[in-house]
Each structure stands twice: as structure tokens, then as C-alpha cells.
Amino acid sequence: MGRRAVRYEADCELWLWPGEKAAWHFVTLPPETAAGVRALVGGRTRGWGSVRVEATIGKTSWRTSIFPDSKSGSFLLPVKAQVRVREGVAAGDRVRLAVEILL
């Protein structure tokens, strides 16, 4: 018997973290979503506390990981350039995000 997929959906703001050598775009998961993810995965995380997910913004889905963020107490989802271009979104835009936890 396989596990039932757990999917979270939320409207989130895409934001830019300006690094020294590159700029990175992220979405911060809402606190209630982060709490659900923590309860679901328990201690079963990967390197740096990451959790594997399938993310969807608009019609674009991709496999990636979410990472814990001590500043917000939530998880961060990196959003790669290919997704931003396909969906026509940029930093400051609100996006409809779905994340399915891959255990």
C-alpha cells in the first residue's frame, strides 16, 4: 500500500535575495503550511534540513527541495529562472503555489 500524497496550496509573494555572485528568487511558505510540513516529515529531512517536493506555479511543475529558514521560522522554496520566465512572474509578484511533499 503506497502513501497518500500530501499537497499544500497558498498564495505567496515571490521575492529576491541578492547574493554576492548571483540573485536568487524564493517563496516563503506560510506559517501554517510550514507547521504541516514539519508535522508530516518529522525528522526525515535531507541535507540542511531540506524536504523534497514537487512544486507548481501556474502550469509549471518541477521537482526541488524546500529549506528551513531560521529568520522566518518557515521553509523557503527556490524558484528557478526557467519557471519565472514560463509563468511571466518576477520578484514582488504574488503567485499561486502548490507543493507536494515527496517522502
PDB file of N, CA and C in Angstrom:
ATOM      1  N   MET A   1       0.837  -1.182   0.000  1.00  0.00           N
ATOM      2  CA  MET A   1       0.000   0.000   0.000  1.00  0.00           C
ATOM      3  C   MET A   1       0.884   1.248   0.000  1.00  0.00           C
ATOM      4  N   GLY A   2       0.737   2.145  -0.977  1.00  0.00           N
ATOM      5  CA  GLY A   2       1.550   3.344  -1.070  1.00  0.00           C
ATOM      6  C   GLY A   2       1.037   4.462  -0.169  1.00  0.00           C
ATOM      7  N   ARG A   3       1.873   5.451   0.014  1.00  0.00           N
ATOM      8  CA  ARG A   3       1.489   6.608   0.829  1.00  0.00           C
ATOM      9  C   ARG A   3       0.639   7.563   0.020  1.00  0.00           C
ATOM     10  N   ARG A   4      -0.278   8.200   0.715  1.00  0.00           N
ATOM     11  CA  ARG A   4      -1.106   9.223   0.088  1.00  0.00           C
ATOM     12  C   ARG A   4      -0.284  10.505  -0.018  1.00  0.00           C
ATOM     13  N   ALA A   5      -0.300  11.125  -1.174  1.00  0.00           N
ATOM     14  CA  ALA A   5       0.438  12.370  -1.373  1.00  0.00           C
ATOM     15  C   ALA A   5      -0.200  13.481  -0.548  1.00  0.00           C
ATOM     16  N   VAL A   6       0.634  14.324   0.023  1.00  0.00           N
ATOM     17  CA  VAL A   6       0.149  15.473   0.784  1.00  0.00           C
ATOM     18  C   VAL A   6       0.532  16.722   0.011  1.00  0.00           C
ATOM     19  N   ARG A   7      -0.472  17.523  -0.297  1.00  0.00           N
ATOM     20  CA  ARG A   7      -0.285  18.720  -1.128  1.00  0.00           C
ATOM     21  C   ARG A   7      -0.780  19.940  -0.361  1.00  0.00           C
ATOM     22  N   TYR A   8       0.012  20.987  -0.401  1.00  0.00           N
ATOM     23  CA  TYR A   8      -0.348  22.266   0.214  1.00  0.00           C
ATOM     24  C   TYR A   8      -0.443  23.313  -0.883  1.00  0.00           C
ATOM     25  N   GLU A   9      -1.405  24.223  -0.756  1.00  0.00           N
ATOM     26  CA  GLU A   9      -1.547  25.320  -1.712  1.00  0.00           C
ATOM     27  C   GLU A   9      -1.671  26.635  -0.967  1.00  0.00           C
ATOM     28  N   ALA A  10      -1.087  27.684  -1.540  1.00  0.00           N
ATOM     29  CA  ALA A  10      -1.147  29.008  -0.913  1.00  0.00           C
ATOM     30  C   ALA A  10      -0.791  30.080  -1.933  1.00  0.00           C
ATOM     31  N   ASP A  11      -1.248  31.292  -1.668  1.00  0.00           N
ATOM     32  CA  ASP A  11      -0.821  32.465  -2.427  1.00  0.00           C
ATOM     33  C   ASP A  11       0.365  33.057  -1.691  1.00  0.00           C
ATOM     34  N   CYS A  12       1.469  33.242  -2.398  1.00  0.00           N
ATOM     35  CA  CYS A  12       2.712  33.696  -1.781  1.00  0.00           C
ATOM     36  C   CYS A  12       3.362  34.771  -2.647  1.00  0.00           C
ATOM     37  N   GLU A  13       4.222  35.558  -2.018  1.00  0.00           N
ATOM     38  CA  GLU A  13       4.969  36.564  -2.765  1.00  0.00           C
ATOM     39  C   GLU A  13       6.326  36.019  -3.173  1.00  0.00           C
ATOM     40  N   LEU A  14       6.675  36.226  -4.432  1.00  0.00           N
ATOM     41  CA  LEU A  14       7.992  35.870  -4.942  1.00  0.00           C
ATOM     42  C   LEU A  14       8.938  37.005  -4.558  1.00  0.00           C
ATOM     43  N   TRP A  15      10.071  36.661  -3.935  1.00  0.00           N
ATOM     44  CA  TRP A  15      10.999  37.706  -3.503  1.00  0.00           C
ATOM     45  C   TRP A  15      12.422  37.383  -3.926  1.00  0.00           C
ATOM     46  N   LEU A  16      13.247  38.395  -3.925  1.00  0.00           N
ATOM     47  CA  LEU A  16      14.615  38.306  -4.424  1.00  0.00           C
ATOM     48  C   LEU A  16      15.602  38.424  -3.274  1.00  0.00           C
ATOM     49  N   TRP A  17      16.543  37.486  -3.208  1.00  0.00           N
ATOM     50  CA  TRP A  17      17.656  37.571  -2.269  1.00  0.00           C
ATOM     51  C   TRP A  17      18.892  37.880  -3.091  1.00  0.00           C
ATOM     52  N   PRO A  18      19.460  39.069  -2.896  1.00  0.00           N
ATOM     53  CA  PRO A  18      20.626  39.451  -3.697  1.00  0.00           C
ATOM     54  C   PRO A  18      21.906  38.882  -3.086  1.00  0.00           C
ATOM     55  N   GLY A  19      22.446  37.860  -3.706  1.00  0.00           N
ATOM     56  CA  GLY A  19      23.700  37.283  -3.246  1.00  0.00           C
ATOM     57  C   GLY A  19      24.874  38.066  -3.800  1.00  0.00           C
ATOM     58  N   GLU A  20      26.060  37.678  -3.363  1.00  0.00           N
ATOM     59  CA  GLU A  20      27.260  38.368  -3.829  1.00  0.00           C
ATOM     60  C   GLU A  20      27.542  38.102  -5.309  1.00  0.00           C
ATOM     61  N   LYS A  21      27.288  36.859  -5.752  1.00  0.00           N
ATOM     62  CA  LYS A  21      27.620  36.495  -7.126  1.00  0.00           C
ATOM     63  C   LYS A  21      26.396  36.226  -7.991  1.00  0.00           C
ATOM     64  N   ALA A  22      25.233  36.076  -7.365  1.00  0.00           N
ATOM     65  CA  ALA A  22      24.013  35.794  -8.122  1.00  0.00           C
ATOM     66  C   ALA A  22      22.807  36.205  -7.289  1.00  0.00           C
ATOM     67  N   ALA A  23      21.710  36.500  -7.958  1.00  0.00           N
ATOM     68  CA  ALA A  23      20.456  36.822  -7.270  1.00  0.00           C
ATOM     69  C   ALA A  23      19.590  35.563  -7.282  1.00  0.00           C
ATOM     70  N   TRP A  24      18.958  35.277  -6.163  1.00  0.00           N
ATOM     71  CA  TRP A  24      18.122  34.088  -6.021  1.00  0.00           C
ATOM     72  C   TRP A  24      16.699  34.508  -5.731  1.00  0.00           C
ATOM     73  N   HIS A  25      15.747  33.836  -6.354  1.00  0.00           N
ATOM     74  CA  HIS A  25      14.325  34.103  -6.138  1.00  0.00           C
ATOM     75  C   HIS A  25      13.728  32.995  -5.275  1.00  0.00           C
ATOM     76  N   PHE A  26      12.920  33.404  -4.301  1.00  0.00           N
ATOM     77  CA  PHE A  26      12.317  32.457  -3.361  1.00  0.00           C
ATOM     78  C   PHE A  26      10.861  32.796  -3.111  1.00  0.00           C
ATOM     79  N   VAL A  27      10.164  31.803  -2.585  1.00  0.00           N
ATOM     80  CA  VAL A  27       8.841  31.969  -1.996  1.00  0.00           C
ATOM     81  C   VAL A  27       8.973  31.441  -0.577  1.00  0.00           C
ATOM     82  N   THR A  28       8.443  32.181   0.394  1.00  0.00           N
ATOM     83  CA  THR A  28       8.401  31.719   1.774  1.00  0.00           C
ATOM     84  C   THR A  28       7.045  31.080   2.011  1.00  0.00           C
ATOM     85  N   LEU A  29       7.042  29.833   2.455  1.00  0.00           N
ATOM     86  CA  LEU A  29       5.777  29.148   2.717  1.00  0.00           C
ATOM     87  C   LEU A  29       5.074  29.785   3.908  1.00  0.00           C
ATOM     88  N   PRO A  30       3.754  29.877   3.877  1.00  0.00           N
ATOM     89  CA  PRO A  30       3.007  30.430   5.017  1.00  0.00           C
ATOM     90  C   PRO A  30       3.268  29.602   6.285  1.00  0.00           C
ATOM     91  N   PRO A  31       3.168  30.225   7.458  1.00  0.00           N
ATOM     92  CA  PRO A  31       3.449  29.516   8.723  1.00  0.00           C
ATOM     93  C   PRO A  31       2.630  28.242   8.907  1.00  0.00           C
ATOM     94  N   GLU A  32       1.351  28.269   8.524  1.00  0.00           N
ATOM     95  CA  GLU A  32       0.525  27.069   8.709  1.00  0.00           C
ATOM     96  C   GLU A  32       0.968  25.930   7.786  1.00  0.00           C
ATOM     97  N   THR A  33       1.456  26.265   6.611  1.00  0.00           N
ATOM     98  CA  THR A  33       1.988  25.249   5.698  1.00  0.00           C
ATOM     99  C   THR A  33       3.272  24.668   6.266  1.00  0.00           C
ATOM    100  N   ALA A  34       4.152  25.533   6.766  1.00  0.00           N
ATOM    101  CA  ALA A  34       5.411  25.073   7.357  1.00  0.00           C
ATOM    102  C   ALA A  34       5.149  24.136   8.536  1.00  0.00           C
ATOM    103  N   ALA A  35       4.167  24.472   9.354  1.00  0.00           N
ATOM    104  CA  ALA A  35       3.824  23.619  10.501  1.00  0.00           C
ATOM    105  C   ALA A  35       3.342  22.252  10.016  1.00  0.00           C
ATOM    106  N   GLY A  36       2.540  22.226   8.967  1.00  0.00           N
ATOM    107  CA  GLY A  36       2.065  20.973   8.401  1.00  0.00           C
ATOM    108  C   GLY A  36       3.196  20.129   7.847  1.00  0.00           C
ATOM    109  N   VAL A  37       4.146  20.777   7.168  1.00  0.00           N
ATOM    110  CA  VAL A  37       5.292  20.065   6.613  1.00  0.00           C
ATOM    111  C   VAL A  37       6.118  19.459   7.746  1.00  0.00           C
ATOM    112  N   ARG A  38       6.395  20.239   8.784  1.00  0.00           N
ATOM    113  CA  ARG A  38       7.179  19.730   9.917  1.00  0.00           C
ATOM    114  C   ARG A  38       6.507  18.530  10.571  1.00  0.00           C
ATOM    115  N   ALA A  39       5.198  18.616  10.765  1.00  0.00           N
ATOM    116  CA  ALA A  39       4.455  17.516  11.385  1.00  0.00           C
ATOM    117  C   ALA A  39       4.502  16.271  10.500  1.00  0.00           C
ATOM    118  N   LEU A  40       4.443  16.460   9.207  1.00  0.00           N
ATOM    119  CA  LEU A  40       4.432  15.343   8.271  1.00  0.00           C
ATOM    120  C   LEU A  40       5.790  14.646   8.190  1.00  0.00           C
ATOM    121  N   VAL A  41       6.861  15.421   8.058  1.00  0.00           N
ATOM    122  CA  VAL A  41       8.172  14.817   7.822  1.00  0.00           C
ATOM    123  C   VAL A  41       8.900  14.447   9.110  1.00  0.00           C
ATOM    124  N   GLY A  42       8.515  15.061  10.235  1.00  0.00           N
ATOM    125  CA  GLY A  42       9.216  14.760  11.476  1.00  0.00           C
ATOM    126  C   GLY A  42      10.703  14.994  11.294  1.00  0.00           C
ATOM    127  N   GLY A  43      11.507  14.027  11.629  1.00  0.00           N
ATOM    128  CA  GLY A  43      12.961  14.149  11.483  1.00  0.00           C
ATOM    129  C   GLY A  43      13.485  13.607  10.174  1.00  0.00           C
ATOM    130  N   ARG A  44      12.600  13.268   9.249  1.00  0.00           N
ATOM    131  CA  ARG A  44      13.037  12.680   7.973  1.00  0.00           C
ATOM    132  C   ARG A  44      13.344  13.763   6.949  1.00  0.00           C
ATOM    133  N   THR A  45      14.403  14.502   7.183  1.00  0.00           N
ATOM    134  CA  THR A  45      14.819  15.538   6.245  1.00  0.00           C
ATOM    135  C   THR A  45      16.141  15.135   5.614  1.00  0.00           C
ATOM    136  N   ARG A  46      16.531  15.866   4.602  1.00  0.00           N
ATOM    137  CA  ARG A  46      17.784  15.623   3.896  1.00  0.00           C
ATOM    138  C   ARG A  46      18.803  16.648   4.382  1.00  0.00           C
ATOM    139  N   GLY A  47      19.880  16.810   3.636  1.00  0.00           N
ATOM    140  CA  GLY A  47      20.925  17.767   3.989  1.00  0.00           C
ATOM    141  C   GLY A  47      20.381  19.158   4.252  1.00  0.00           C
ATOM    142  N   TRP A  48      20.903  19.834   5.255  1.00  0.00           N
ATOM    143  CA  TRP A  48      20.496  21.185   5.670  1.00  0.00           C
ATOM    144  C   TRP A  48      19.031  21.257   6.065  1.00  0.00           C
ATOM    145  N   GLY A  49      18.439  20.118   6.410  1.00  0.00           N
ATOM    146  CA  GLY A  49      17.031  20.112   6.825  1.00  0.00           C
ATOM    147  C   GLY A  49      16.052  20.216   5.668  1.00  0.00           C
ATOM    148  N   SER A  50      16.540  19.975   4.446  1.00  0.00           N
ATOM    149  CA  SER A  50      15.681  20.131   3.271  1.00  0.00           C
ATOM    150  C   SER A  50      14.651  19.013   3.163  1.00  0.00           C
ATOM    151  N   VAL A  51      13.568  19.322   2.448  1.00  0.00           N
ATOM    152  CA  VAL A  51      12.475  18.381   2.217  1.00  0.00           C
ATOM    153  C   VAL A  51      12.205  18.370   0.719  1.00  0.00           C
ATOM    154  N   ARG A  52      12.178  17.185   0.118  1.00  0.00           N
ATOM    155  CA  ARG A  52      11.911  17.070  -1.320  1.00  0.00           C
ATOM    156  C   ARG A  52      10.441  17.342  -1.611  1.00  0.00           C
ATOM    157  N   VAL A  53      10.195  18.103  -2.671  1.00  0.00           N
ATOM    158  CA  VAL A  53       8.828  18.454  -3.051  1.00  0.00           C
ATOM    159  C   VAL A  53       8.693  18.486  -4.565  1.00  0.00           C
ATOM    160  N   GLU A  54       7.447  18.408  -5.018  1.00  0.00           N
ATOM    161  CA  GLU A  54       7.127  18.789  -6.391  1.00  0.00           C
ATOM    162  C   GLU A  54       6.362  20.089  -6.256  1.00  0.00           C
ATOM    163  N   ALA A  55       6.901  21.147  -6.842  1.00  0.00           N
ATOM    164  CA  ALA A  55       6.300  22.473  -6.749  1.00  0.00           C
ATOM    165  C   ALA A  55       5.586  22.804  -8.042  1.00  0.00           C
ATOM    166  N   THR A  56       4.521  23.587  -7.930  1.00  0.00           N
ATOM    167  CA  THR A  56       3.783  24.047  -9.104  1.00  0.00           C
ATOM    168  C   THR A  56       3.436  25.519  -8.926  1.00  0.00           C
ATOM    169  N   ILE A  57       3.773  26.291  -9.934  1.00  0.00           N
ATOM    170  CA  ILE A  57       3.331  27.686 -10.042  1.00  0.00           C
ATOM    171  C   ILE A  57       2.681  27.794 -11.409  1.00  0.00           C
ATOM    172  N   GLY A  58       1.429  28.198 -11.423  1.00  0.00           N
ATOM    173  CA  GLY A  58       0.699  28.257 -12.693  1.00  0.00           C
ATOM    174  C   GLY A  58       0.596  26.875 -13.299  1.00  0.00           C
ATOM    175  N   LYS A  59       1.067  26.725 -14.537  1.00  0.00           N
ATOM    176  CA  LYS A  59       1.033  25.437 -15.233  1.00  0.00           C
ATOM    177  C   LYS A  59       2.393  24.737 -15.223  1.00  0.00           C
ATOM    178  N   THR A  60       3.355  25.310 -14.499  1.00  0.00           N
ATOM    179  CA  THR A  60       4.711  24.769 -14.485  1.00  0.00           C
ATOM    180  C   THR A  60       4.974  24.023 -13.186  1.00  0.00           C
ATOM    181  N   SER A  61       5.371  22.754 -13.313  1.00  0.00           N
ATOM    182  CA  SER A  61       5.721  21.928 -12.156  1.00  0.00           C
ATOM    183  C   SER A  61       7.167  21.487 -12.272  1.00  0.00           C
ATOM    184  N   TRP A  62       7.847  21.364 -11.141  1.00  0.00           N
ATOM    185  CA  TRP A  62       9.223  20.892 -11.133  1.00  0.00           C
ATOM    186  C   TRP A  62       9.531  20.272  -9.773  1.00  0.00           C
ATOM    187  N   ARG A  63      10.525  19.394  -9.754  1.00  0.00           N
ATOM    188  CA  ARG A  63      10.962  18.766  -8.504  1.00  0.00           C
ATOM    189  C   ARG A  63      12.140  19.545  -7.959  1.00  0.00           C
ATOM    190  N   THR A  64      12.079  19.801  -6.657  1.00  0.00           N
ATOM    191  CA  THR A  64      13.100  20.588  -5.992  1.00  0.00           C
ATOM    192  C   THR A  64      13.040  20.269  -4.503  1.00  0.00           C
ATOM    193  N   SER A  65      13.613  21.106  -3.701  1.00  0.00           N
ATOM    194  CA  SER A  65      13.544  20.956  -2.246  1.00  0.00           C
ATOM    195  C   SER A  65      13.175  22.282  -1.621  1.00  0.00           C
ATOM    196  N   ILE A  66      12.532  22.216  -0.457  1.00  0.00           N
ATOM    197  CA  ILE A  66      12.310  23.401   0.355  1.00  0.00           C
ATOM    198  C   ILE A  66      13.312  23.339   1.498  1.00  0.00           C
ATOM    199  N   PHE A  67      13.706  24.503   1.996  1.00  0.00           N
ATOM    200  CA  PHE A  67      14.750  24.585   3.005  1.00  0.00           C
ATOM    201  C   PHE A  67      14.257  25.366   4.213  1.00  0.00           C
ATOM    202  N   PRO A  68      14.598  24.906   5.428  1.00  0.00           N
ATOM    203  CA  PRO A  68      14.174  25.649   6.610  1.00  0.00           C
ATOM    204  C   PRO A  68      14.868  27.011   6.666  1.00  0.00           C
ATOM    205  N   ASP A  69      14.139  28.010   7.154  1.00  0.00           N
ATOM    206  CA  ASP A  69      14.653  29.372   7.261  1.00  0.00           C
ATOM    207  C   ASP A  69      14.510  29.831   8.704  1.00  0.00           C
ATOM    208  N   SER A  70      15.623  30.002   9.390  1.00  0.00           N
ATOM    209  CA  SER A  70      15.562  30.389  10.801  1.00  0.00           C
ATOM    210  C   SER A  70      15.010  31.801  10.980  1.00  0.00           C
ATOM    211  N   LYS A  71      15.208  32.662  10.004  1.00  0.00           N
ATOM    212  CA  LYS A  71      14.723  34.046  10.121  1.00  0.00           C
ATOM    213  C   LYS A  71      13.196  34.106  10.162  1.00  0.00           C
ATOM    214  N   SER A  72      12.539  33.376   9.255  1.00  0.00           N
ATOM    215  CA  SER A  72      11.072  33.415   9.197  1.00  0.00           C
ATOM    216  C   SER A  72      10.427  32.297  10.010  1.00  0.00           C
ATOM    217  N   GLY A  73      11.209  31.269  10.344  1.00  0.00           N
ATOM    218  CA  GLY A  73      10.642  30.111  11.025  1.00  0.00           C
ATOM    219  C   GLY A  73       9.845  29.223  10.098  1.00  0.00           C
ATOM    220  N   SER A  74       9.997  29.433   8.803  1.00  0.00           N
ATOM    221  CA  SER A  74       9.233  28.688   7.805  1.00  0.00           C
ATOM    222  C   SER A  74      10.182  27.909   6.909  1.00  0.00           C
ATOM    223  N   PHE A  75       9.725  27.621   5.699  1.00  0.00           N
ATOM    224  CA  PHE A  75      10.553  26.992   4.673  1.00  0.00           C
ATOM    225  C   PHE A  75      10.613  27.919   3.473  1.00  0.00           C
ATOM    226  N   LEU A  76      11.744  27.882   2.764  1.00  0.00           N
ATOM    227  CA  LEU A  76      11.926  28.651   1.538  1.00  0.00           C
ATOM    228  C   LEU A  76      11.936  27.712   0.341  1.00  0.00           C
ATOM    229  N   LEU A  77      11.267  28.134  -0.718  1.00  0.00           N
ATOM    230  CA  LEU A  77      11.255  27.401  -1.974  1.00  0.00           C
ATOM    231  C   LEU A  77      12.006  28.234  -3.006  1.00  0.00           C
ATOM    232  N   PRO A  78      13.134  27.736  -3.523  1.00  0.00           N
ATOM    233  CA  PRO A  78      13.806  28.465  -4.598  1.00  0.00           C
ATOM    234  C   PRO A  78      13.012  28.326  -5.898  1.00  0.00           C
ATOM    235  N   VAL A  79      12.899  29.426  -6.636  1.00  0.00           N
ATOM    236  CA  VAL A  79      12.146  29.410  -7.903  1.00  0.00           C
ATOM    237  C   VAL A  79      13.125  29.762  -9.018  1.00  0.00           C
ATOM    238  N   LYS A  80      13.418  28.767  -9.852  1.00  0.00           N
ATOM    239  CA  LYS A  80      14.438  28.961 -10.870  1.00  0.00           C
ATOM    240  C   LYS A  80      13.947  29.837 -12.017  1.00  0.00           C
ATOM    241  N   ALA A  81      14.908  30.381 -12.754  1.00  0.00           N
ATOM    242  CA  ALA A  81      14.623  31.322 -13.836  1.00  0.00           C
ATOM    243  C   ALA A  81      13.680  30.735 -14.880  1.00  0.00           C
ATOM    244  N   GLN A  82      13.864  29.481 -15.230  1.00  0.00           N
ATOM    245  CA  GLN A  82      13.024  28.843 -16.247  1.00  0.00           C
ATOM    246  C   GLN A  82      11.544  28.903 -15.857  1.00  0.00           C
ATOM    247  N   VAL A  83      11.246  28.689 -14.586  1.00  0.00           N
ATOM    248  CA  VAL A  83       9.862  28.743 -14.105  1.00  0.00           C
ATOM    249  C   VAL A  83       9.351  30.181 -14.165  1.00  0.00           C
ATOM    250  N   ARG A  84      10.151  31.134 -13.709  1.00  0.00           N
ATOM    251  CA  ARG A  84       9.736  32.545 -13.701  1.00  0.00           C
ATOM    252  C   ARG A  84       9.446  33.032 -15.116  1.00  0.00           C
ATOM    253  N   VAL A  85      10.290  32.659 -16.066  1.00  0.00           N
ATOM    254  CA  VAL A  85      10.095  33.072 -17.464  1.00  0.00           C
ATOM    255  C   VAL A  85       8.830  32.439 -18.026  1.00  0.00           C
ATOM    256  N   ARG A  86       8.676  31.127 -17.840  1.00  0.00           N
ATOM    257  CA  ARG A  86       7.483  30.431 -18.363  1.00  0.00           C
ATOM    258  C   ARG A  86       6.187  31.015 -17.828  1.00  0.00           C
ATOM    259  N   GLU A  87       6.190  31.377 -16.552  1.00  0.00           N
ATOM    260  CA  GLU A  87       4.966  31.871 -15.924  1.00  0.00           C
ATOM    261  C   GLU A  87       4.848  33.393 -15.952  1.00  0.00           C
ATOM    262  N   GLY A  88       5.874  34.077 -16.441  1.00  0.00           N
ATOM    263  CA  GLY A  88       5.825  35.534 -16.551  1.00  0.00           C
ATOM    264  C   GLY A  88       5.734  36.229 -15.206  1.00  0.00           C
ATOM    265  N   VAL A  89       6.504  35.724 -14.217  1.00  0.00           N
ATOM    266  CA  VAL A  89       6.475  36.314 -12.873  1.00  0.00           C
ATOM    267  C   VAL A  89       7.846  36.847 -12.505  1.00  0.00           C
ATOM    268  N   ALA A  90       7.848  37.823 -11.595  1.00  0.00           N
ATOM    269  CA  ALA A  90       9.089  38.439 -11.135  1.00  0.00           C
ATOM    270  C   ALA A  90       8.959  38.761  -9.652  1.00  0.00           C
ATOM    271  N   ALA A  91      10.074  39.129  -9.049  1.00  0.00           N
ATOM    272  CA  ALA A  91      10.088  39.486  -7.628  1.00  0.00           C
ATOM    273  C   ALA A  91       9.011  40.537  -7.359  1.00  0.00           C
ATOM    274  N   GLY A  92       8.267  40.327  -6.266  1.00  0.00           N
ATOM    275  CA  GLY A  92       7.186  41.230  -5.889  1.00  0.00           C
ATOM    276  C   GLY A  92       5.818  40.739  -6.336  1.00  0.00           C
ATOM    277  N   ASP A  93       5.781  39.794  -7.280  1.00  0.00           N
ATOM    278  CA  ASP A  93       4.503  39.244  -7.746  1.00  0.00           C
ATOM    279  C   ASP A  93       3.972  38.222  -6.748  1.00  0.00           C
ATOM    280  N   ARG A  94       2.650  38.142  -6.652  1.00  0.00           N
ATOM    281  CA  ARG A  94       2.012  37.081  -5.861  1.00  0.00           C
ATOM    282  C   ARG A  94       1.726  35.926  -6.802  1.00  0.00           C
ATOM    283  N   VAL A  95       2.051  34.729  -6.349  1.00  0.00           N
ATOM    284  CA  VAL A  95       1.862  33.532  -7.163  1.00  0.00           C
ATOM    285  C   VAL A  95       1.038  32.517  -6.390  1.00  0.00           C
ATOM    286  N   ARG A  96       0.319  31.691  -7.123  1.00  0.00           N
ATOM    287  CA  ARG A  96      -0.405  30.568  -6.517  1.00  0.00           C
ATOM    288  C   ARG A  96       0.555  29.399  -6.532  1.00  0.00           C
ATOM    289  N   LEU A  97       0.943  28.947  -5.368  1.00  0.00           N
ATOM    290  CA  LEU A  97       1.934  27.896  -5.214  1.00  0.00           C
ATOM    291  C   LEU A  97       1.293  26.635  -4.676  1.00  0.00           C
ATOM    292  N   ALA A  98       1.668  25.508  -5.245  1.00  0.00           N
ATOM    293  CA  ALA A  98       1.299  24.203  -4.700  1.00  0.00           C
ATOM    294  C   ALA A  98       2.584  23.432  -4.481  1.00  0.00           C
ATOM    295  N   VAL A  99       2.706  22.794  -3.310  1.00  0.00           N
ATOM    296  CA  VAL A  99       3.855  21.923  -3.052  1.00  0.00           C
ATOM    297  C   VAL A  99       3.325  20.570  -2.583  1.00  0.00           C
ATOM    298  N   GLU A 100       3.833  19.545  -3.216  1.00  0.00           N
ATOM    299  CA  GLU A 100       3.503  18.173  -2.831  1.00  0.00           C
ATOM    300  C   GLU A 100       4.746  17.583  -2.183  1.00  0.00           C
ATOM    301  N   ILE A 101       4.603  17.098  -0.965  1.00  0.00           N
ATOM    302  CA  ILE A 101       5.730  16.547  -0.221  1.00  0.00           C
ATOM    303  C   ILE A 101       6.068  15.169  -0.777  1.00  0.00           C
ATOM    304  N   LEU A 102       7.350  14.961  -1.075  1.00  0.00           N
ATOM    305  CA  LEU A 102       7.821  13.681  -1.616  1.00  0.00           C
ATOM    306  C   LEU A 102       8.589  12.948  -0.514  1.00  0.00           C
ATOM    307  N   LEU A 103       7.940  12.012   0.119  1.00  0.00           N
ATOM    308  CA  LEU A 103       8.573  11.251   1.209  1.00  0.00           C
ATOM    309  C   LEU A 103       9.228  10.002   0.684  1.00  0.00           C
TER     310      LEU A 103
END
